[in-house]
Amino acid sequence: MEHIVTVQDAVTAFADWLEPTDAELDAIECEMPVILADVELLDAQIITLDRTPTELDARRIRRARRRALAARVALVNRAAGASLPGGAA
């Protein structure tokens, strides 16, 4: 007969090693505006799933889509500016 044992100790034994590093937390912090804009876009889209979108819903989705794109552009520009050596004066 084989014994059934828990593997929780083996899985959680390395929990301290799985914490995010400071660099990873900084990256998440930099991407937070994009994450929040995407959540706002998803919220606007979810509202219209069970009904026909009204003009107000369409405007809300367009506005949220523009904010999400603007947040992505800002993130890319910030990353590109940080990686360029020197800088134009």
C-alpha atoms as a PDB file:
ATOM      1  CA  MET A   1       0.000   0.000   0.000  1.00  0.00           C
ATOM      2  CA  GLU A   2       1.305   3.430  -0.957  1.00  0.00           C
ATOM      3  CA  HIS A   3       0.973   6.297   1.438  1.00  0.00           C
ATOM      4  CA  ILE A   4      -0.403   9.599   0.272  1.00  0.00           C
ATOM      5  CA  VAL A   5       1.654  12.467   1.631  1.00  0.00           C
ATOM      6  CA  THR A   6       1.331  16.175   1.303  1.00  0.00           C
ATOM      7  CA  VAL A   7       3.818  18.107  -0.765  1.00  0.00           C
ATOM      8  CA  GLN A   8       2.998  21.418   0.866  1.00  0.00           C
ATOM      9  CA  ASP A   9       6.292  21.520   2.745  1.00  0.00           C
ATOM     10  CA  ALA A  10       8.218  20.960  -0.481  1.00  0.00           C
ATOM     11  CA  VAL A  11       6.222  23.635  -2.325  1.00  0.00           C
ATOM     12  CA  THR A  12       6.259  26.286   0.390  1.00  0.00           C
ATOM     13  CA  ALA A  13       9.795  25.596   1.550  1.00  0.00           C
ATOM     14  CA  PHE A  14      11.111  28.030  -1.065  1.00  0.00           C
ATOM     15  CA  ALA A  15       8.473  30.735  -0.566  1.00  0.00           C
ATOM     16  CA  ASP A  16      11.089  33.219   0.672  1.00  0.00           C
ATOM     17  CA  TRP A  17      12.996  32.746  -2.560  1.00  0.00           C
ATOM     18  CA  LEU A  18       9.938  33.500  -4.688  1.00  0.00           C
ATOM     19  CA  GLU A  19       9.444  37.077  -3.511  1.00  0.00           C
ATOM     20  CA  PRO A  20       9.807  39.722  -6.226  1.00  0.00           C
ATOM     21  CA  THR A  21      13.041  41.642  -6.302  1.00  0.00           C
ATOM     22  CA  ASP A  22      13.261  45.405  -5.946  1.00  0.00           C
ATOM     23  CA  ALA A  23      13.892  45.692  -9.682  1.00  0.00           C
ATOM     24  CA  GLU A  24      10.747  43.700 -10.451  1.00  0.00           C
ATOM     25  CA  LEU A  25       8.690  45.841  -8.078  1.00  0.00           C
ATOM     26  CA  ASP A  26      10.074  48.983  -9.742  1.00  0.00           C
ATOM     27  CA  ALA A  27       9.107  47.607 -13.162  1.00  0.00           C
ATOM     28  CA  ILE A  28       5.578  46.931 -11.934  1.00  0.00           C
ATOM     29  CA  GLU A  29       5.412  50.456 -10.529  1.00  0.00           C
ATOM     30  CA  CYS A  30       6.460  51.897 -13.901  1.00  0.00           C
ATOM     31  CA  GLU A  31       3.836  49.814 -15.709  1.00  0.00           C
ATOM     32  CA  MET A  32       1.028  50.619 -13.270  1.00  0.00           C
ATOM     33  CA  PRO A  33      -0.535  53.400 -15.418  1.00  0.00           C
ATOM     34  CA  VAL A  34      -0.783  50.943 -18.322  1.00  0.00           C
ATOM     35  CA  ILE A  35      -2.290  48.274 -16.091  1.00  0.00           C
ATOM     36  CA  LEU A  36      -4.889  50.672 -14.691  1.00  0.00           C
ATOM     37  CA  ALA A  37      -5.777  51.975 -18.168  1.00  0.00           C
ATOM     38  CA  ASP A  38      -6.229  48.399 -19.416  1.00  0.00           C
ATOM     39  CA  VAL A  39      -8.481  47.615 -16.450  1.00  0.00           C
ATOM     40  CA  GLU A  40     -10.570  50.696 -17.247  1.00  0.00           C
ATOM     41  CA  LEU A  41     -10.876  49.561 -20.878  1.00  0.00           C
ATOM     42  CA  LEU A  42     -11.897  46.069 -19.799  1.00  0.00           C
ATOM     43  CA  ASP A  43     -14.493  47.521 -17.433  1.00  0.00           C
ATOM     44  CA  ALA A  44     -15.961  49.595 -20.251  1.00  0.00           C
ATOM     45  CA  GLN A  45     -16.082  46.546 -22.522  1.00  0.00           C
ATOM     46  CA  ILE A  46     -17.568  44.264 -19.858  1.00  0.00           C
ATOM     47  CA  ILE A  47     -20.433  46.696 -19.287  1.00  0.00           C
ATOM     48  CA  THR A  48     -21.561  46.182 -22.883  1.00  0.00           C
ATOM     49  CA  LEU A  49     -21.386  42.377 -22.932  1.00  0.00           C
ATOM     50  CA  ASP A  50     -24.996  41.721 -21.991  1.00  0.00           C
ATOM     51  CA  ARG A  51     -26.647  44.598 -23.824  1.00  0.00           C
ATOM     52  CA  THR A  52     -26.499  46.601 -27.004  1.00  0.00           C
ATOM     53  CA  PRO A  53     -23.958  49.401 -26.519  1.00  0.00           C
ATOM     54  CA  THR A  54     -25.440  52.869 -26.340  1.00  0.00           C
ATOM     55  CA  GLU A  55     -23.725  55.982 -27.658  1.00  0.00           C
ATOM     56  CA  LEU A  56     -22.499  56.674 -24.129  1.00  0.00           C
ATOM     57  CA  ASP A  57     -21.023  53.161 -23.921  1.00  0.00           C
ATOM     58  CA  ALA A  58     -19.293  53.631 -27.270  1.00  0.00           C
ATOM     59  CA  ARG A  59     -17.796  56.929 -26.101  1.00  0.00           C
ATOM     60  CA  ARG A  60     -16.675  55.333 -22.840  1.00  0.00           C
ATOM     61  CA  ILE A  61     -14.933  52.526 -24.744  1.00  0.00           C
ATOM     62  CA  ARG A  62     -13.271  54.946 -27.190  1.00  0.00           C
ATOM     63  CA  ARG A  63     -12.082  57.147 -24.315  1.00  0.00           C
ATOM     64  CA  ALA A  64     -10.746  54.147 -22.387  1.00  0.00           C
ATOM     65  CA  ARG A  65      -9.019  52.825 -25.515  1.00  0.00           C
ATOM     66  CA  ARG A  66      -7.342  56.207 -26.088  1.00  0.00           C
ATOM     67  CA  ARG A  67      -6.188  56.316 -22.454  1.00  0.00           C
ATOM     68  CA  ALA A  68      -4.779  52.796 -22.703  1.00  0.00           C
ATOM     69  CA  LEU A  69      -2.904  53.637 -25.893  1.00  0.00           C
ATOM     70  CA  ALA A  70      -1.622  56.908 -24.424  1.00  0.00           C
ATOM     71  CA  ALA A  71      -0.383  55.077 -21.334  1.00  0.00           C
ATOM     72  CA  ARG A  72       1.423  52.533 -23.515  1.00  0.00           C
ATOM     73  CA  VAL A  73       3.013  55.283 -25.617  1.00  0.00           C
ATOM     74  CA  ALA A  74       4.151  57.101 -22.478  1.00  0.00           C
ATOM     75  CA  LEU A  75       5.683  53.889 -21.121  1.00  0.00           C
ATOM     76  CA  VAL A  76       7.516  53.170 -24.379  1.00  0.00           C
ATOM     77  CA  ASN A  77       8.765  56.751 -24.630  1.00  0.00           C
ATOM     78  CA  ARG A  78       9.940  56.661 -21.023  1.00  0.00           C
ATOM     79  CA  ALA A  79      11.759  53.363 -21.632  1.00  0.00           C
ATOM     80  CA  ALA A  80      13.297  54.595 -24.886  1.00  0.00           C
ATOM     81  CA  GLY A  81      14.445  57.828 -23.251  1.00  0.00           C
ATOM     82  CA  ALA A  82      16.026  55.946 -20.378  1.00  0.00           C
ATOM     83  CA  SER A  83      17.931  53.594 -22.672  1.00  0.00           C
ATOM     84  CA  LEU A  84      19.392  56.217 -25.034  1.00  0.00           C
ATOM     85  CA  PRO A  85      22.916  57.246 -24.140  1.00  0.00           C
ATOM     86  CA  GLY A  86      23.803  60.915 -23.963  1.00  0.00           C
ATOM     87  CA  GLY A  87      20.601  62.674 -24.787  1.00  0.00           C
ATOM     88  CA  ALA A  88      19.815  65.481 -27.174  1.00  0.00           C
ATOM     89  CA  ALA A  89      20.262  68.944 -25.766  1.00  0.00           C
END
